[in-house]
C-alpha cells in the first residue's frame, strides 16, 4: 500500500498514488504534527497507530453520518467560503458538523479523562476592547491561530465589537445538545462569540420541526475566522451562528475549489 503525500496541498508536487485523495491530502497537511499518511483504508498517525477511514458512501443517510460518522464522512459536504450576502443553506447542508468522535479524541485527548486541560493555553481576547483571556488548546497551533483571529478582530470598527465582547466560551467538557457526541468545545478547539447576537437552530425550531435559517453576525467577522482556519456554524442548515471551530482542512479544500472524488 502506498502512503499519501506528506507535503502540503499542491498535488502537482506529490508522487502519483493509486490511493491519492485530495481531501485526505488536505487532512494530512492540516495536522502535520499528528498525522503521517493514509492508505486506501486507513489513516496513519505519527505515533504509528491506524484508524479506519470508512467508505463515505454517497447514499448514506444524513442522520447516520451525523451520529456514526467515519473519517471520510467529514468531507461529505462542501464548505463554502464567505460570500456576500450570506445564503441560507439547503436542508441538512451542514459542512463540518459531521465529525468522527474517535478522530477528535485521538487528536486532542479525552476531556472526560483529564487529557485536554494540560494542553490549554491562554489567549488574550480583543485586549483593546477588554475581552479578557480565554484558553484554547495548543495542539495543532489552535491557540496561536486564535490569537491571530483576536488581533484582526480587535481592529474592526467599534460597531462590530458588540458581537465579540463578551465572548461566550471556548473549553467546555460537554456533549453536543441532545446527543452523546462530544462538542468541539470539549477539545478546546472551538469558540462561541457573544450569545446575545447568536442564533441557534434549536432555539428557532418550529413546532412542526422546520428550521428557518437566521443570522446576525457580520461577514467581516466570519472572513477573519476563516482566514485562520476556523469554520463557521452559520454555514449550517442546523445553524449555530455564534460558533467557530478549527478545521483548516475544510478551509484549504474550499480555497482549492473542493476537489471531487
Protein backbone atom coordinates (compact mmCIF):
# COMPACT_ATOMS: atom_id res chain seq x y z
CA UNK A 1 0.00 0.00 0.00
CA UNK A 2 1.24 3.43 -0.89
CA UNK A 3 1.29 6.31 1.58
CA UNK A 4 -0.24 9.68 0.77
CA UNK A 5 2.00 12.63 0.07
CA UNK A 6 3.21 14.32 3.23
CA UNK A 7 3.76 17.67 1.58
CA UNK A 8 1.16 20.44 1.54
CA UNK A 9 -1.87 20.59 -0.66
CA UNK A 10 -0.42 21.10 -4.13
CA UNK A 11 -0.93 17.72 -5.70
CA UNK A 12 1.41 18.50 -8.57
CA UNK A 13 4.31 18.20 -6.12
CA UNK A 14 3.16 14.83 -4.82
CA UNK A 15 4.07 11.45 -6.28
CA UNK A 16 1.23 9.72 -8.06
CA UNK A 17 -0.50 7.22 -5.79
CA UNK A 18 -3.08 4.60 -6.58
CA UNK A 19 -4.90 5.82 -3.49
CA UNK A 20 -4.42 9.58 -3.93
CA UNK A 21 -7.27 11.56 -2.42
CA UNK A 22 -7.07 15.37 -2.35
CA UNK A 23 -9.40 15.53 0.66
CA UNK A 24 -7.17 13.24 2.70
CA UNK A 25 -4.11 15.11 1.44
CA UNK A 26 -5.68 18.25 2.89
CA UNK A 27 -6.29 16.46 6.17
CA UNK A 28 -2.66 15.33 6.46
CA UNK A 29 -1.38 18.80 5.57
CA UNK A 30 -3.69 20.48 8.11
CA UNK A 31 -2.37 18.47 11.07
CA UNK A 32 1.28 17.68 10.28
CA UNK A 33 2.28 17.20 13.93
CA UNK A 34 -0.29 14.44 14.38
CA UNK A 35 -0.91 12.74 11.04
CA UNK A 36 1.61 10.86 8.92
CA UNK A 37 -0.11 9.40 5.87
CA UNK A 38 -3.00 7.28 4.66
CA UNK A 39 -3.67 4.12 2.69
CA UNK A 40 -6.83 3.25 0.78
CA UNK A 41 -8.47 2.11 4.02
CA UNK A 42 -6.63 3.66 6.97
CA UNK A 43 -5.39 6.94 8.39
CA UNK A 44 -1.85 6.62 9.78
CA UNK A 45 -0.89 8.71 12.80
CA UNK A 46 2.59 9.93 13.67
CA UNK A 47 2.68 7.56 16.65
CA UNK A 48 2.18 4.61 14.29
CA UNK A 49 -1.45 3.93 15.20
CA UNK A 50 -4.02 3.46 12.47
CA UNK A 51 -7.66 4.38 12.20
CA UNK A 52 -10.21 3.17 9.60
CA UNK A 53 -11.23 5.78 7.04
CA UNK A 54 -14.62 4.32 6.27
CA UNK A 55 -16.35 4.35 2.91
CA UNK A 56 -18.14 7.71 2.65
CA UNK A 57 -20.94 6.01 0.73
CA UNK A 58 -22.68 8.69 -1.39
CA UNK A 59 -26.15 7.46 -0.41
CA UNK A 60 -25.54 7.25 3.33
CA UNK A 61 -28.42 8.98 5.16
CA UNK A 62 -27.56 12.31 6.75
CA UNK A 63 -28.70 11.21 10.22
CA UNK A 64 -26.45 8.15 10.04
CA UNK A 65 -23.45 10.24 9.03
CA UNK A 66 -24.13 12.68 11.84
CA UNK A 67 -24.47 10.02 14.55
CA UNK A 68 -21.93 7.47 13.29
CA UNK A 69 -19.56 9.41 11.08
CA UNK A 70 -16.41 7.83 9.74
CA UNK A 71 -13.41 9.93 8.77
CA UNK A 72 -14.33 10.14 5.09
CA UNK A 73 -17.82 11.34 6.04
CA UNK A 74 -16.27 14.52 7.43
CA UNK A 75 -15.81 15.60 3.82
CA UNK A 76 -19.31 14.67 2.67
CA UNK A 77 -20.48 18.28 2.41
CA UNK A 78 -18.50 21.06 0.76
CA UNK A 79 -17.63 24.04 2.95
CA UNK A 80 -18.36 27.37 1.17
CA UNK A 81 -16.16 30.37 1.85
CA UNK A 82 -17.66 33.76 2.68
CA UNK A 83 -19.93 35.26 0.06
CA UNK A 84 -21.98 38.44 0.15
CA UNK A 85 -24.76 38.26 1.05
CA UNK A 86 -24.86 35.01 3.02
CA UNK A 87 -27.20 32.40 1.56
CA UNK A 88 -29.37 30.09 3.68
CA UNK A 89 -28.00 26.52 3.45
CA UNK A 90 -30.03 23.77 1.83
CA UNK A 91 -31.75 21.18 4.01
CA UNK A 92 -29.16 19.18 6.01
CA UNK A 93 -26.30 21.11 4.44
CA UNK A 94 -24.02 21.14 7.49
CA UNK A 95 -20.39 21.37 6.29
CA UNK A 96 -18.06 20.43 9.13
CA UNK A 97 -20.80 19.41 11.53
CA UNK A 98 -20.28 15.75 10.61
CA UNK A 99 -17.42 14.59 12.84
CA UNK A 100 -15.82 11.29 13.77
CA UNK A 101 -15.55 11.33 17.58
CA UNK A 102 -12.63 8.90 17.69
CA UNK A 103 -10.62 11.14 15.37
CA UNK A 104 -11.05 14.21 17.58
CA UNK A 105 -10.42 12.33 20.82
CA UNK A 106 -7.23 10.89 19.36
CA UNK A 107 -6.19 14.33 18.12
CA UNK A 108 -6.90 16.44 21.21
CA UNK A 109 -7.43 13.99 24.07
CA UNK A 110 -10.46 12.89 26.07
CA UNK A 111 -11.66 15.66 28.39
CA UNK A 112 -13.51 13.08 30.49
CA UNK A 113 -10.13 11.61 31.38
CA UNK A 114 -8.46 14.97 32.04
CA UNK A 115 -6.41 14.82 28.83
CA UNK A 116 -7.40 18.20 27.34
CA UNK A 117 -6.79 20.75 30.09
CA UNK A 118 -2.98 20.24 30.28
CA UNK A 119 -2.77 21.49 26.68
CA UNK A 120 -4.89 24.63 27.14
CA UNK A 121 -3.04 27.92 26.69
CA UNK A 122 -4.15 31.49 27.49
CA UNK A 123 -5.13 33.77 24.61
CA UNK A 124 -5.82 37.49 25.04
CA UNK A 125 -9.25 38.10 23.55
CA UNK A 126 -9.62 41.53 21.91
CA UNK A 127 -7.37 43.18 24.52
CA UNK A 128 -8.03 46.66 23.11
CA UNK A 129 -11.69 46.18 23.99
CA UNK A 130 -11.48 44.45 27.35
CA UNK A 131 -12.23 40.96 26.13
CA UNK A 132 -10.19 39.28 28.87
CA UNK A 133 -8.36 35.99 28.50
CA UNK A 134 -9.60 32.70 27.08
CA UNK A 135 -7.95 29.26 26.99
CA UNK A 136 -7.63 27.20 23.84
CA UNK A 137 -5.71 24.04 23.04
CA UNK A 138 -2.11 24.45 21.91
CA UNK A 139 -2.36 21.24 19.85
CA UNK A 140 -2.17 21.95 16.11
CA UNK A 141 -1.44 25.58 16.94
CA UNK A 142 -5.09 26.32 17.67
CA UNK A 143 -4.27 28.84 20.43
CA UNK A 144 -1.78 30.59 18.14
CA UNK A 145 -4.30 30.82 15.32
CA UNK A 146 -6.97 32.10 17.67
CA UNK A 147 -4.55 34.81 18.83
CA UNK A 148 -4.26 35.94 15.21
CA UNK A 149 -8.04 35.98 14.90
CA UNK A 150 -8.25 38.11 18.05
CA UNK A 151 -5.61 40.52 16.73
CA UNK A 152 -7.51 41.12 13.49
CA UNK A 153 -10.92 41.33 15.16
CA UNK A 154 -9.52 43.89 17.56
CA UNK A 155 -9.00 46.24 14.58
CA UNK A 156 -12.62 46.13 13.39
CA UNK A 157 -14.87 49.19 13.66
CA UNK A 158 -16.31 49.80 17.12
CA UNK A 159 -19.82 48.92 15.93
CA UNK A 160 -18.76 45.27 15.43
CA UNK A 161 -17.20 44.70 18.85
CA UNK A 162 -20.60 44.04 20.42
CA UNK A 163 -20.71 40.71 18.56
CA UNK A 164 -17.39 39.64 20.07
CA UNK A 165 -17.18 41.02 23.61
CA UNK A 166 -18.15 39.41 25.84
CA UNK A 167 -17.50 36.06 24.21
CA UNK A 168 -19.41 33.01 25.41
CA UNK A 169 -16.73 30.39 25.94
CA UNK A 170 -14.17 28.02 24.49
CA UNK A 171 -13.33 24.94 26.56
CA UNK A 172 -16.26 23.02 27.98
CA UNK A 173 -16.18 19.27 28.54
CA UNK A 174 -19.71 18.57 27.35
CA UNK A 175 -21.65 16.76 24.64
CA UNK A 176 -23.46 18.48 21.79
CA UNK A 177 -27.01 19.38 22.79
CA UNK A 178 -29.42 16.43 22.60
CA UNK A 179 -26.64 13.97 21.62
CA UNK A 180 -23.95 11.80 23.19
CA UNK A 181 -21.27 13.16 20.82
CA UNK A 182 -18.61 15.42 22.26
CA UNK A 183 -18.69 19.07 21.28
CA UNK A 184 -15.56 20.56 19.71
CA UNK A 185 -15.58 22.80 22.79
CA UNK A 186 -14.65 19.64 24.71
CA UNK A 187 -11.30 19.71 22.87
CA UNK A 188 -10.60 23.42 23.39
CA UNK A 189 -10.74 23.95 19.61
CA UNK A 190 -13.97 25.96 19.26
CA UNK A 191 -15.16 29.36 20.42
CA UNK A 192 -18.60 30.91 20.83
CA UNK A 193 -18.78 34.66 20.41
CA UNK A 194 -21.41 36.85 22.10
CA UNK A 195 -24.53 34.71 22.54
CA UNK A 196 -26.67 37.85 22.67
CA UNK A 197 -26.29 38.16 18.91
CA UNK A 198 -26.06 34.48 18.07
CA UNK A 199 -28.79 32.32 16.57
CA UNK A 200 -29.13 28.58 17.11
CA UNK A 201 -31.33 26.14 15.26
CA UNK A 202 -32.79 24.52 18.38
CA UNK A 203 -33.84 27.95 19.66
CA UNK A 204 -35.54 28.66 16.33
CA UNK A 205 -37.03 25.24 15.63
CA UNK A 206 -40.75 25.42 14.89
CA UNK A 207 -43.37 23.10 16.41
CA UNK A 208 -43.63 21.23 13.11
CA UNK A 209 -39.86 20.59 13.15
CA UNK A 210 -39.00 23.01 10.36
CA UNK A 211 -36.00 25.31 10.62
CA UNK A 212 -35.73 28.82 9.22
CA UNK A 213 -32.11 29.96 8.93
CA UNK A 214 -31.23 33.18 10.71
CA UNK A 215 -28.01 35.13 11.17
CA UNK A 216 -26.93 38.48 12.66
CA UNK A 217 -23.14 38.05 12.51
CA UNK A 218 -21.39 40.39 10.02
CA UNK A 219 -19.48 38.90 7.13
CA UNK A 220 -16.29 40.71 8.14
CA UNK A 221 -16.13 38.68 11.37
CA UNK A 222 -16.69 35.38 9.57
CA UNK A 223 -13.99 36.14 7.00
CA UNK A 224 -11.40 36.79 9.71
CA UNK A 225 -12.07 33.49 11.43
CA UNK A 226 -11.95 31.62 8.13
CA UNK A 227 -8.67 33.33 7.25
CA UNK A 228 -7.03 31.42 10.10
CA UNK A 229 -8.65 28.01 9.63
CA UNK A 230 -11.88 28.30 11.62
CA UNK A 231 -15.18 27.28 10.06
CA UNK A 232 -18.45 28.98 10.99
CA UNK A 233 -21.58 27.31 12.36
CA UNK A 234 -23.69 29.83 10.48
CA UNK A 235 -22.88 27.86 7.33
CA UNK A 236 -25.07 25.03 8.60
CA UNK A 237 -28.74 24.29 7.98
CA UNK A 238 -28.72 23.33 11.68
CA UNK A 239 -27.16 26.72 12.30
CA UNK A 240 -25.11 27.92 15.25
CA UNK A 241 -24.08 31.41 14.25
CA UNK A 242 -22.07 32.18 17.38
CA UNK A 243 -19.87 29.10 16.88
CA UNK A 244 -16.45 28.82 15.20
CA UNK A 245 -14.21 25.73 15.25
CA UNK A 246 -10.72 24.97 13.98
CA UNK A 247 -10.98 22.87 10.79
CA UNK A 248 -8.24 24.10 8.46
CA UNK A 249 -8.59 21.14 6.12
CA UNK A 250 -12.10 22.29 5.14
CA UNK A 251 -10.93 25.85 4.53
CA UNK A 252 -7.98 24.63 2.43
CA UNK A 253 -10.24 22.48 0.27
CA UNK A 254 -12.70 25.34 -0.18
CA UNK A 255 -9.87 27.51 -1.46
CA UNK A 256 -8.90 24.73 -3.87
CA UNK A 257 -12.41 24.53 -5.25
CA UNK A 258 -13.24 21.43 -3.18
CA UNK A 259 -11.83 18.61 -5.37
CA UNK A 260 -14.25 15.84 -6.26
CA UNK A 261 -13.51 12.16 -5.65
